[in-house]
Amino acid sequence: MPIVLDASVAANWHFQDERNEKADVILASILQETAIVPIQWWFEIRNTLLMGERRGRATEAQTMAFLKTLAGLPIEIDGLPDDEPLVALARKHRLTIYDSAYLELAQRERMPLATFDVRLQVAAHAEGVRVLGE
């Protein structure tokens, strides 16, 4: 089943001190199906990797190798969402617009959401969206 993938899960695959079985199960499911991400995911994951480099959690070579790995995964980048549902979800659940984009995409596409972000998990449950990664 296709899923909406949050950057918190993808980053978990890269940083060994965060790696866990739940993230590996999500990765295995993506390899069997596909994932879709909101447009900011492309920037968010790269920023997370760069911050990891700056904090000494990864080398430049590890970051570049991981980006090549990500490029080989069946991850589709969605287009821009409609403002109204995006902003409404952010207001209702006190989410950032960035996090709201994951939830809006999961709702719109009727897909489960893979995230380790607790606030986003709570909002997803409130909206009836299935959550992977809890």
Foldseek 3Di string as FASTA:
>chain_A
DEAEEALQLLVLVQQVVNPDPLSVVVQVVQQVPHYEYEPCSVVVNLVVVVVCCVVVRDPPVSSVVSVVVVVPTRYHYDYDDDPVQLVVLCVVLVHDSRLSRSLVVCVVVVHAYEDPDPSSVVSNVVVVHHYGDD
